[in-house]
Amino acid sequence: AYVNLLENNQRSLSVQMLMALSEKYAIDWRELVQDPGSNVLAELRSVLQDPIFRDTPDLQELRAAVDHAPGLVEKFLQIYRTHRTTLDKVLRQGRERMPKNLVSSSPETIIHDFFRNHGNHFPELERTAERIRAEQPCAPDDVYAMLKDRLKTRHGVKVRIQTVEDMSESLRIFDRGKATVLLSQALDYPNRTFQLAHVLCLLEADQILDGLVSDSGITSSTGLARCQVELANYFASAFLMPYADVLATARATKYDVDRVAAAFSVSFEQVCHRLTTLQRRNAKGVPFFFLRIDKAGNVTKRFNSTTFTLAEFGGACPVWNIHTSFRTPGVILPQFVELPEGERFFTISRTSDRPVFSRESQDRRLALALGCEFRFVDEIGYAQSFNLDREDLFSQIGINCHLCPRQACSQRAHQPLLVELPISPDRRGNTRYES
């Protein structure tokens, strides 16, 4: 009877059942719960927790919708993403005149959706990066020299380091006509190596890039070029940190980002990006999300292998310590956070330094956040020193003040759009928006 209920989507697999199946058949239990259908269901559940929907359909109704009307569900999710993008534009524009293309998705949004819909994992690029890396095996400290040699011997491309004055604001220029790669002196070793791996992708994985870009659904020339850049960056990351090796190192160190960076001679940010891509079938890592913000709170980069609201739209809540990290440069800040809908996550935040061109371009720091669902904290070393049974462990955050329904938040900067907060002339609250 229990099996019959499972087959008819009327019961969920329990944790005990998942573990028993995992032990019996020697498979990763995540393979039983992370499939395209479950990803869509997870996104649908997350979206419907938005306060604008008020009552949320039960899980059985949502499963029925995903199973029997997948096209309708996908259209609904597209509408919601456009709604969130439009709302974000409105909130940023304030009282200024709205642009005519307000409801159109930006190339940035389309590319983000393209990567997320692939689970931020591209097997063709992974296999190609592994094959090329295996052809000339070397230690991580020798990868830069190996790349210079491969570009020269196989493609006749020279690599030259240029002064900051000669490069202006550019960090890398690939002059195809002169068969030369120019790198700025402002780049450190990990970033010089990364840029050469990017160029190698353009030369040796161009057909794969063309195929992926053509299937992306992007129509604008800017969007197509941006998509190619991001895919080449993906290749570079996979080339510098081969899948099996980086996954083994990450697990052995309990996802210690600094130790993984040291093992592969790469940067902290490069490791964070790479960890979001470790979603190979039968060899999955922790499903992380990653975002980067500037000092004004603008999200300048966002990658994730999940569909969670925090991963998709988060970054503007001052309670999240990604903003605090600017006050403690280079220090990793762990934090347990909870959204108004009850979703719980563990995140680490830290600053990342950008290339400095001169004394006039100091303090170009950005802040990074790497996070995952709370249920994965046992696999992460940064969480080991905390008492996980404490209910006050979780910081109460939101997506942004306009959409956050929380009351009595001392960090509130705007009146919420969907909730009437109590206000009285006879009482002064924590903020001007609530008594």
Protein backbone atom coordinates (compact mmCIF):
# COMPACT_ATOMS: atom_id res chain seq x y z
CA ALA A 1 0.00 0.00 0.00
CA TYR A 2 2.86 2.39 0.86
CA VAL A 3 4.51 1.72 -2.52
CA ASN A 4 1.19 2.36 -4.25
CA LEU A 5 0.89 5.73 -2.50
CA LEU A 6 4.45 6.61 -3.56
CA GLU A 7 3.71 5.71 -7.17
CA ASN A 8 0.64 7.96 -7.17
CA ASN A 9 2.51 10.93 -5.67
CA GLN A 10 0.40 10.75 -2.51
CA ARG A 11 3.33 10.16 -0.17
CA SER A 12 6.90 11.49 -0.04
CA LEU A 13 9.97 9.34 0.48
CA SER A 14 10.99 9.62 4.11
CA VAL A 15 14.58 10.34 5.11
CA GLN A 16 14.81 6.82 6.59
CA MET A 17 13.64 5.29 3.33
CA LEU A 18 16.11 7.38 1.31
CA MET A 19 18.99 6.29 3.54
CA ALA A 20 17.93 2.64 3.35
CA LEU A 21 17.80 2.76 -0.46
CA SER A 22 21.16 4.54 -0.54
CA GLU A 23 22.83 1.87 1.60
CA LYS A 24 21.12 -1.05 -0.15
CA TYR A 25 22.03 -0.03 -3.69
CA ALA A 26 25.23 1.99 -2.97
CA ILE A 27 23.94 5.17 -4.59
CA ASP A 28 24.02 8.81 -3.57
CA TRP A 29 20.67 9.58 -1.92
CA ARG A 30 20.65 13.01 -3.61
CA GLU A 31 20.22 11.25 -6.95
CA LEU A 32 16.83 10.06 -5.70
CA VAL A 33 15.55 13.53 -4.94
CA GLN A 34 17.32 15.84 -7.39
CA ASP A 35 15.83 15.39 -10.84
CA PRO A 36 14.44 17.96 -13.28
CA GLY A 37 10.90 17.43 -11.97
CA SER A 38 11.92 17.88 -8.35
CA ASN A 39 13.85 21.05 -9.24
CA VAL A 40 10.73 22.52 -10.87
CA LEU A 41 8.63 21.46 -7.88
CA ALA A 42 11.11 23.05 -5.48
CA GLU A 43 11.07 26.31 -7.43
CA LEU A 44 7.26 26.28 -7.61
CA ARG A 45 6.98 25.77 -3.84
CA SER A 46 9.49 28.56 -3.22
CA VAL A 47 7.67 30.98 -5.55
CA LEU A 48 4.27 30.28 -3.99
CA GLN A 49 5.62 31.23 -0.57
CA ASP A 50 5.72 34.84 -1.74
CA PRO A 51 3.21 36.81 0.39
CA ILE A 52 1.34 37.98 -2.74
CA PHE A 53 -0.13 34.46 -3.09
CA ARG A 54 -1.38 34.29 0.52
CA ASP A 55 -2.64 30.67 0.79
CA THR A 56 -0.26 28.05 -0.63
CA PRO A 57 -1.61 24.91 -2.39
CA ASP A 58 -0.65 21.65 -0.70
CA LEU A 59 2.20 19.52 -1.98
CA GLN A 60 -0.05 17.00 -3.72
CA GLU A 61 -1.67 19.75 -5.83
CA LEU A 62 1.73 21.13 -6.81
CA ARG A 63 3.01 17.69 -7.80
CA ALA A 64 -0.08 17.12 -9.91
CA ALA A 65 0.51 20.44 -11.68
CA VAL A 66 4.16 19.58 -12.41
CA ASP A 67 3.27 16.07 -13.62
CA HIS A 68 0.20 16.91 -15.70
CA ALA A 69 0.74 20.48 -16.84
CA PRO A 70 4.51 21.03 -17.02
CA GLY A 71 4.21 23.60 -19.80
CA LEU A 72 1.74 25.67 -17.80
CA VAL A 73 3.96 25.49 -14.72
CA GLU A 74 6.99 26.68 -16.69
CA LYS A 75 5.00 29.62 -18.13
CA PHE A 76 3.83 30.54 -14.63
CA LEU A 77 7.41 30.48 -13.34
CA GLN A 78 8.52 32.65 -16.27
CA ILE A 79 5.77 35.16 -15.44
CA TYR A 80 6.85 35.24 -11.81
CA ARG A 81 10.52 35.78 -12.72
CA THR A 82 9.51 38.66 -14.99
CA HIS A 83 7.36 40.07 -12.19
CA ARG A 84 10.31 40.00 -9.78
CA THR A 85 12.64 41.53 -12.36
CA THR A 86 10.12 44.29 -13.11
CA LEU A 87 9.50 44.95 -9.43
CA ASP A 88 13.23 45.22 -8.82
CA LYS A 89 13.52 47.76 -11.65
CA VAL A 90 10.61 49.78 -10.24
CA LEU A 91 12.13 49.84 -6.76
CA ARG A 92 15.50 50.92 -8.11
CA GLN A 93 14.07 53.62 -10.39
CA GLY A 94 12.05 55.20 -7.57
CA ARG A 95 10.03 58.17 -8.80
CA GLU A 96 12.06 58.60 -11.95
CA ARG A 97 10.47 57.93 -15.32
CA MET A 98 10.10 54.22 -16.02
CA PRO A 99 11.96 52.87 -19.06
CA LYS A 100 9.86 51.72 -22.03
CA ASN A 101 11.35 48.21 -21.87
CA LEU A 102 10.52 47.84 -18.19
CA VAL A 103 9.06 44.34 -18.46
CA SER A 104 11.69 42.95 -20.82
CA SER A 105 14.28 40.65 -19.29
CA SER A 106 17.86 41.90 -19.35
CA PRO A 107 20.62 39.76 -20.90
CA GLU A 108 21.93 39.30 -17.35
CA THR A 109 18.63 37.79 -16.21
CA ILE A 110 18.30 35.55 -19.26
CA ILE A 111 21.86 34.25 -18.85
CA HIS A 112 21.28 33.61 -15.16
CA ASP A 113 18.12 31.64 -15.97
CA PHE A 114 19.99 29.70 -18.68
CA PHE A 115 22.70 28.63 -16.21
CA ARG A 116 20.19 27.85 -13.46
CA ASN A 117 18.04 25.77 -15.81
CA HIS A 118 21.13 23.66 -16.55
CA GLY A 119 21.73 23.21 -12.83
CA ASN A 120 24.83 25.39 -13.32
CA HIS A 121 26.52 22.29 -14.72
CA PHE A 122 27.64 21.67 -18.31
CA PRO A 123 28.96 18.11 -18.84
CA GLU A 124 30.36 18.84 -22.34
CA LEU A 125 32.59 21.62 -21.03
CA GLU A 126 33.61 19.49 -18.04
CA ARG A 127 34.67 16.57 -20.24
CA THR A 128 36.57 18.78 -22.67
CA ALA A 129 38.39 20.59 -19.86
CA GLU A 130 39.36 17.27 -18.27
CA ARG A 131 40.61 15.83 -21.57
CA ILE A 132 42.77 18.85 -22.40
CA ARG A 133 44.16 19.06 -18.86
CA ALA A 134 45.07 15.35 -18.93
CA GLU A 135 47.01 15.79 -22.18
CA GLN A 136 49.63 17.91 -20.39
CA PRO A 137 49.50 16.99 -16.70
CA CYS A 138 51.35 19.33 -14.35
CA ALA A 139 51.29 20.70 -10.82
CA PRO A 140 48.93 23.62 -10.09
CA ASP A 141 51.90 25.99 -9.78
CA ASP A 142 52.97 25.11 -13.34
CA VAL A 143 49.59 25.55 -15.05
CA TYR A 144 50.36 29.08 -16.19
CA ALA A 145 53.57 27.99 -17.94
CA MET A 146 51.79 24.98 -19.42
CA LEU A 147 49.02 27.17 -20.83
CA LYS A 148 51.53 29.58 -22.37
CA ASP A 149 53.31 26.64 -23.99
CA ARG A 150 50.09 25.08 -25.32
CA LEU A 151 48.86 28.35 -26.78
CA LYS A 152 52.23 28.89 -28.47
CA THR A 153 52.88 25.38 -29.80
CA ARG A 154 49.34 24.43 -30.85
CA HIS A 155 47.90 27.76 -31.92
CA GLY A 156 50.85 30.06 -32.50
CA VAL A 157 49.48 32.46 -29.89
CA LYS A 158 51.99 34.44 -27.85
CA VAL A 159 51.34 35.72 -24.32
CA ARG A 160 52.72 39.09 -23.21
CA ILE A 161 52.45 40.95 -19.93
CA GLN A 162 51.68 44.64 -20.47
CA THR A 163 51.97 47.67 -18.23
CA VAL A 164 48.84 49.16 -16.72
CA GLU A 165 49.33 52.26 -18.90
CA ASP A 166 49.39 50.19 -22.09
CA MET A 167 46.30 48.19 -21.10
CA SER A 168 44.27 51.15 -19.85
CA GLU A 169 41.27 49.65 -17.98
CA SER A 170 41.48 46.26 -19.73
CA LEU A 171 42.79 43.19 -17.93
CA ARG A 172 43.06 40.84 -20.91
CA ILE A 173 43.01 41.40 -24.67
CA PHE A 174 43.03 38.52 -27.16
CA ASP A 175 44.19 39.95 -30.48
CA ARG A 176 43.29 37.20 -32.95
CA GLY A 177 44.80 39.04 -35.89
CA LYS A 178 48.21 39.27 -34.23
CA ALA A 179 47.82 35.89 -32.47
CA THR A 180 48.66 37.51 -29.15
CA VAL A 181 47.17 37.52 -25.67
CA LEU A 182 47.93 40.66 -23.69
CA LEU A 183 47.63 40.42 -19.89
CA SER A 184 47.71 43.36 -17.51
CA GLN A 185 50.37 43.60 -14.82
CA ALA A 186 47.48 44.23 -12.41
CA LEU A 187 46.49 40.55 -12.57
CA ASP A 188 47.90 38.17 -9.95
CA TYR A 189 48.90 34.57 -10.72
CA PRO A 190 45.46 32.93 -10.24
CA ASN A 191 43.79 35.50 -12.48
CA ARG A 192 46.49 35.38 -15.18
CA THR A 193 46.09 31.61 -15.30
CA PHE A 194 42.30 31.92 -15.40
CA GLN A 195 42.44 34.35 -18.33
CA LEU A 196 44.68 32.03 -20.35
CA ALA A 197 42.34 29.10 -19.66
CA HIS A 198 39.48 31.30 -20.90
CA VAL A 199 41.34 31.97 -24.17
CA LEU A 200 42.14 28.26 -24.52
CA CYS A 201 38.41 27.55 -24.39
CA LEU A 202 37.75 30.02 -27.21
CA LEU A 203 40.30 28.17 -29.35
CA GLU A 204 39.73 24.50 -28.46
CA ALA A 205 36.12 24.32 -27.27
CA ASP A 206 34.61 26.82 -29.71
CA GLN A 207 32.19 24.35 -31.26
CA ILE A 208 30.82 23.38 -27.85
CA LEU A 209 30.44 27.06 -26.97
CA ASP A 210 28.61 27.74 -30.23
CA GLY A 211 26.22 24.85 -29.62
CA LEU A 212 25.39 25.87 -26.07
CA VAL A 213 24.97 29.54 -26.97
CA SER A 214 22.71 28.74 -29.92
CA ASP A 215 20.49 26.62 -27.64
CA SER A 216 20.30 29.30 -24.94
CA GLY A 217 17.27 31.08 -26.37
CA ILE A 218 19.09 34.41 -26.18
CA THR A 219 18.42 36.72 -29.13
CA SER A 220 20.33 39.95 -28.50
CA SER A 221 23.91 40.25 -29.70
CA THR A 222 24.99 41.53 -26.30
CA GLY A 223 23.33 38.62 -24.56
CA LEU A 224 24.91 36.07 -26.89
CA ALA A 225 28.37 37.54 -26.34
CA ARG A 226 27.84 37.62 -22.56
CA CYS A 227 26.68 34.02 -22.58
CA GLN A 228 29.81 32.97 -24.46
CA VAL A 229 31.98 34.82 -21.94
CA GLU A 230 30.31 33.11 -18.97
CA LEU A 231 30.56 29.66 -20.56
CA ALA A 232 34.25 30.21 -21.32
CA ASN A 233 34.70 31.23 -17.70
CA TYR A 234 32.98 28.00 -16.69
CA PHE A 235 35.47 26.06 -18.81
CA ALA A 236 38.39 27.93 -17.25
CA SER A 237 37.18 27.04 -13.78
CA ALA A 238 36.76 23.38 -14.74
CA PHE A 239 40.23 23.36 -16.35
CA LEU A 240 41.98 24.80 -13.29
CA MET A 241 40.02 22.61 -10.85
CA PRO A 242 39.26 19.23 -12.49
CA TYR A 243 35.96 17.82 -11.26
CA ALA A 244 36.99 14.64 -9.42
CA ASP A 245 40.02 16.28 -7.81
CA VAL A 246 38.26 19.40 -6.57
CA LEU A 247 35.25 17.45 -5.28
CA ALA A 248 37.54 15.07 -3.36
CA THR A 249 39.52 17.97 -1.91
CA ALA A 250 36.37 19.88 -0.96
CA ARG A 251 34.91 16.87 0.83
CA ALA A 252 38.20 16.01 2.57
CA THR A 253 38.50 19.57 3.92
CA LYS A 254 34.76 19.88 4.68
CA TYR A 255 34.49 22.61 2.06
CA ASP A 256 37.27 24.79 3.47
CA VAL A 257 37.49 27.35 0.66
CA ASP A 258 40.96 28.61 1.56
CA ARG A 259 42.42 25.08 1.62
CA VAL A 260 40.85 24.23 -1.73
CA ALA A 261 42.24 27.47 -3.17
CA ALA A 262 45.72 26.63 -1.88
CA ALA A 263 45.55 23.10 -3.30
CA PHE A 264 44.82 24.35 -6.83
CA SER A 265 46.67 27.71 -6.79
CA VAL A 266 43.45 29.62 -7.43
CA SER A 267 41.61 32.45 -5.68
CA PHE A 268 38.94 32.31 -2.98
CA GLU A 269 36.32 33.64 -5.40
CA GLN A 270 37.26 31.12 -8.09
CA VAL A 271 36.70 28.28 -5.61
CA CYS A 272 33.31 29.67 -4.56
CA HIS A 273 32.22 29.79 -8.20
CA ARG A 274 33.52 26.26 -8.83
CA LEU A 275 31.68 24.81 -5.83
CA THR A 276 28.34 25.88 -7.34
CA THR A 277 29.04 23.74 -10.43
CA LEU A 278 29.70 20.38 -8.71
CA GLN A 279 26.42 18.76 -9.74
CA ARG A 280 27.59 15.83 -11.88
CA ARG A 281 25.25 12.87 -11.87
CA ASN A 282 26.34 10.24 -9.32
CA ALA A 283 29.04 12.61 -8.01
CA LYS A 284 27.27 15.64 -6.61
CA GLY A 285 28.73 18.07 -4.12
CA VAL A 286 26.74 20.25 -1.74
CA PRO A 287 24.34 22.36 -3.88
CA PHE A 288 25.69 25.83 -3.17
CA PHE A 289 24.58 29.25 -4.34
CA PHE A 290 26.97 32.15 -4.71
CA LEU A 291 26.57 35.88 -5.11
CA ARG A 292 28.80 38.94 -5.09
CA ILE A 293 27.87 42.52 -4.20
CA ASP A 294 29.57 45.90 -4.35
CA LYS A 295 29.70 48.46 -1.54
CA ALA A 296 26.35 49.92 -2.61
CA GLY A 297 24.67 46.53 -2.31
CA ASN A 298 24.33 45.90 -6.07
CA VAL A 299 24.56 42.23 -7.01
CA THR A 300 27.41 42.00 -9.55
CA LYS A 301 27.51 38.21 -9.92
CA ARG A 302 25.10 35.41 -9.08
CA PHE A 303 25.45 31.66 -9.66
CA ASN A 304 23.53 28.79 -8.15
CA SER A 305 22.50 25.19 -8.63
CA THR A 306 19.28 25.73 -6.65
CA THR A 307 15.94 27.46 -7.08
CA PHE A 308 15.71 29.03 -3.64
CA THR A 309 14.39 32.56 -3.25
CA LEU A 310 17.53 33.67 -1.39
CA ALA A 311 19.74 32.37 -4.19
CA GLU A 312 17.58 33.90 -6.92
CA PHE A 313 16.70 37.31 -5.52
CA GLY A 314 18.59 37.82 -2.23
CA GLY A 315 21.37 40.26 -1.45
CA ALA A 316 19.61 43.44 -0.32
CA CYS A 317 18.90 42.66 3.35
CA PRO A 318 21.20 44.53 5.77
CA VAL A 319 20.77 41.79 8.41
CA TRP A 320 22.64 39.36 6.16
CA ASN A 321 26.31 39.67 7.09
CA ILE A 322 27.52 39.78 3.51
CA HIS A 323 27.24 43.55 4.08
CA THR A 324 29.11 43.35 7.41
CA SER A 325 32.07 41.70 5.69
CA PHE A 326 33.18 45.06 4.27
CA ARG A 327 34.12 46.04 7.84
CA THR A 328 36.30 42.93 8.29
CA PRO A 329 38.25 42.51 5.01
CA GLY A 330 39.50 38.99 4.37
CA VAL A 331 37.69 37.46 7.37
CA ILE A 332 35.18 34.67 6.77
CA LEU A 333 31.85 35.35 8.52
CA PRO A 334 29.56 32.33 9.00
CA GLN A 335 25.84 32.89 9.54
CA PHE A 336 22.65 30.87 9.85
CA VAL A 337 19.72 32.69 8.26
CA GLU A 338 15.98 32.17 7.98
CA LEU A 339 13.60 33.75 5.47
CA PRO A 340 10.06 34.84 6.41
CA GLU A 341 8.64 31.73 4.72
CA GLY A 342 10.73 29.49 7.03
CA GLU A 343 13.49 28.48 4.59
CA ARG A 344 16.78 28.05 6.46
CA PHE A 345 20.30 28.37 5.09
CA PHE A 346 23.91 28.45 6.16
CA THR A 347 26.14 31.04 4.50
CA ILE A 348 29.68 32.31 4.71
CA SER A 349 30.65 35.82 3.62
CA ARG A 350 34.01 37.39 2.87
CA THR A 351 35.48 40.26 0.89
CA SER A 352 37.31 39.81 -2.40
CA ASP A 353 39.91 42.28 -3.64
CA ARG A 354 39.83 43.47 -7.23
CA PRO A 355 42.92 44.27 -9.32
CA VAL A 356 44.48 47.59 -8.28
CA PHE A 357 45.74 49.68 -11.19
CA SER A 358 47.34 52.51 -9.23
CA ARG A 359 47.13 54.52 -6.03
CA GLU A 360 44.02 56.16 -7.48
CA SER A 361 42.15 52.84 -7.63
CA GLN A 362 42.43 51.61 -4.04
CA ASP A 363 39.72 49.83 -2.03
CA ARG A 364 37.93 48.15 -4.91
CA ARG A 365 36.66 45.38 -2.69
CA LEU A 366 33.55 43.35 -3.34
CA ALA A 367 31.78 41.02 -0.91
CA LEU A 368 31.03 37.35 -1.58
CA ALA A 369 28.47 34.99 -0.06
CA LEU A 370 28.44 31.22 -0.44
CA GLY A 371 25.45 29.38 0.95
CA CYS A 372 23.45 26.16 1.06
CA GLU A 373 20.37 24.68 2.67
CA PHE A 374 20.63 24.13 6.41
CA ARG A 375 20.29 20.37 5.98
CA PHE A 376 23.81 20.19 4.52
CA VAL A 377 25.62 21.83 7.46
CA ASP A 378 27.03 18.53 8.73
CA GLU A 379 29.21 18.44 5.62
CA ILE A 380 30.62 21.95 6.12
CA GLY A 381 33.46 22.70 8.51
CA TYR A 382 32.58 26.36 9.01
CA ALA A 383 29.39 25.28 10.85
CA GLN A 384 30.98 22.76 13.19
CA SER A 385 31.64 25.07 16.14
CA PHE A 386 27.97 26.10 16.53
CA ASN A 387 25.28 24.55 18.70
CA LEU A 388 22.83 23.62 15.96
CA ASP A 389 20.01 22.97 18.42
CA ARG A 390 19.68 26.63 19.40
CA GLU A 391 16.61 28.27 17.89
CA ASP A 392 18.16 31.72 18.30
CA LEU A 393 20.99 30.62 16.01
CA PHE A 394 19.16 31.92 12.95
CA SER A 395 19.26 35.55 11.87
CA GLN A 396 15.88 36.67 10.56
CA ILE A 397 16.46 38.08 7.08
CA GLY A 398 14.39 38.93 4.01
CA ILE A 399 14.88 39.46 0.29
CA ASN A 400 14.59 43.24 0.57
CA CYS A 401 12.69 45.69 2.76
CA HIS A 402 9.97 46.36 0.17
CA LEU A 403 8.95 42.69 0.10
CA CYS A 404 9.81 41.60 3.64
CA PRO A 405 6.75 41.20 5.93
CA ARG A 406 8.79 41.01 9.16
CA GLN A 407 7.67 43.21 12.04
CA ALA A 408 9.92 44.83 14.65
CA CYS A 409 12.99 44.70 12.41
CA SER A 410 15.51 47.29 13.56
CA GLN A 411 17.11 47.40 10.10
CA ARG A 412 13.98 48.23 8.10
CA ALA A 413 14.64 50.93 5.50
CA HIS A 414 11.32 50.95 3.58
CA GLN A 415 7.63 50.44 4.21
CA PRO A 416 6.68 46.93 3.02
CA LEU A 417 4.43 46.79 -0.02
CA LEU A 418 2.26 43.87 1.10
CA VAL A 419 1.95 44.36 4.86
CA GLU A 420 0.47 47.20 6.94
CA LEU A 421 2.78 47.75 9.90
CA PRO A 422 1.23 49.19 13.10
CA ILE A 423 1.97 52.88 13.58
CA SER A 424 0.82 55.26 16.32
CA PRO A 425 1.60 58.91 17.19
CA ASP A 426 1.80 57.85 20.84
CA ARG A 427 4.58 55.31 20.42
CA ARG A 428 8.03 55.31 18.78
CA GLY A 429 9.28 52.00 17.52
CA ASN A 430 12.69 50.77 16.36
CA THR A 431 12.21 52.48 13.00
CA ARG A 432 10.06 55.24 11.59
CA TYR A 433 7.86 52.70 9.83
CA GLU A 434 6.49 50.92 12.89
CA SER A 435 5.47 51.81 16.45
